[in-house]
Amino acid sequence: MQKENFLTTLTVLVSFLVIIGFFHQWVLTY
């Protein structure tokens, strides 16, 4: 249970970082 929770948190963190990086790159390009 704890392992699944950690995996979900890790996935959310990675997705959040990807979205932030993509948005930051878009802002820099624009």
C-alpha atoms as a PDB file:
ATOM      1  CA  MET A   1       0.000   0.000   0.000  1.00  0.00           C
ATOM      2  CA  GLN A   2       2.782   2.399   0.941  1.00  0.00           C
ATOM      3  CA  LYS A   3       4.684   1.425  -2.206  1.00  0.00           C
ATOM      4  CA  GLU A   4       1.685   2.244  -4.424  1.00  0.00           C
ATOM      5  CA  ASN A   5       1.191   5.557  -2.633  1.00  0.00           C
ATOM      6  CA  PHE A   6       4.862   6.428  -3.170  1.00  0.00           C
ATOM      7  CA  LEU A   7       4.595   5.452  -6.844  1.00  0.00           C
ATOM      8  CA  THR A   8       1.504   7.649  -7.286  1.00  0.00           C
ATOM      9  CA  THR A   9       3.227  10.582  -5.577  1.00  0.00           C
ATOM     10  CA  LEU A  10       6.314  10.109  -7.756  1.00  0.00           C
ATOM     11  CA  THR A  11       4.180  10.025 -10.919  1.00  0.00           C
ATOM     12  CA  VAL A  12       2.357  13.210  -9.888  1.00  0.00           C
ATOM     13  CA  LEU A  13       5.665  14.948  -9.114  1.00  0.00           C
ATOM     14  CA  VAL A  14       7.172  13.954 -12.473  1.00  0.00           C
ATOM     15  CA  SER A  15       4.059  15.085 -14.346  1.00  0.00           C
ATOM     16  CA  PHE A  16       4.059  18.394 -12.444  1.00  0.00           C
ATOM     17  CA  LEU A  17       7.745  18.964 -13.235  1.00  0.00           C
ATOM     18  CA  VAL A  18       7.168  18.186 -16.925  1.00  0.00           C
ATOM     19  CA  ILE A  19       4.226  20.628 -17.072  1.00  0.00           C
ATOM     20  CA  ILE A  20       6.252  23.336 -15.293  1.00  0.00           C
ATOM     21  CA  GLY A  21       9.227  22.794 -17.604  1.00  0.00           C
ATOM     22  CA  PHE A  22       7.054  22.844 -20.726  1.00  0.00           C
ATOM     23  CA  PHE A  23       5.241  26.004 -19.593  1.00  0.00           C
ATOM     24  CA  HIS A  24       8.546  27.685 -18.707  1.00  0.00           C
ATOM     25  CA  GLN A  25       9.975  26.794 -22.129  1.00  0.00           C
ATOM     26  CA  TRP A  26       6.819  28.121 -23.822  1.00  0.00           C
ATOM     27  CA  VAL A  27       7.092  31.384 -21.873  1.00  0.00           C
ATOM     28  CA  LEU A  28      10.768  31.741 -22.830  1.00  0.00           C
ATOM     29  CA  THR A  29       9.968  31.017 -26.487  1.00  0.00           C
ATOM     30  CA  TYR A  30       7.040  33.434 -26.511  1.00  0.00           C
END
